[in-house]
Amino acid sequence: MKITKEVFYKKVTDYTFIVLFLLIFSIFIFFAIRPSLKTAFSLKKVEKDLMEVDSLYEKKIVSVSFIQSELEKNRDDLYLVYNALSKNPNVNKIIDDIKIAADKTNFFINKANVSDINLLQSKQALGKVEVIIEGYSSFPDLLSFIKEIHNQRRLKTIDNLQISNKSKSSTDSANLSIKINISGYYL
């Protein structure tokens, strides 16, 4: 009889414990473990970003230290920069330099004009003073005048040079009519 009871009656199992366990476990995973995992992944991304920023800062620090070491190395020669580029236009110094170069090289100046100087320009741009000189000289003396201008400490460039024949003769010592634009720079 016992066998027939066991065979003909279905055994009822209680799944409430398993259902409750899975429900509580899923709630625990959703509210406790999921935020921890999200935090871990976001911290990994922040770490990667900080590593990139750190490498960028390290490159900048290396470049600043390199510039500082170069500045220390060349500190004794900084006066040359200030001689080449003055803080003010110093037009009289530019004209004196041109006159000294002309006197050394037999370049005769007939007329010299100074272009307008804008003293209110932004401090980030390099200032420019343009001197337009008209004169005469022979070609070898003109070349030595140009070399003399470029050998001076004050930074000057020759922007325009016009040469025309003043006399009908074409000898080596013939005087040429010359118009030259010389620019001096300042900070």
Foldseek 3Di string as FASTA:
>chain_A
DVVCCPVVDDDDDDCPVVVVVVVVVVVCCVPPVVVVVVVVVVVVVVVVVVVVVVVVVVVVVVVVVVVVVVCVVCVVVVVLVCLQAPADPPVVVLVVLLVVLCVVLVWAWDDKDKDDWDPPDDPVDKGKIKIKTKTKFFPVSVVSSVVSSPPDSHDKDWDDKDWAFPDPDDDRGGIIIIIIIMMTIHD
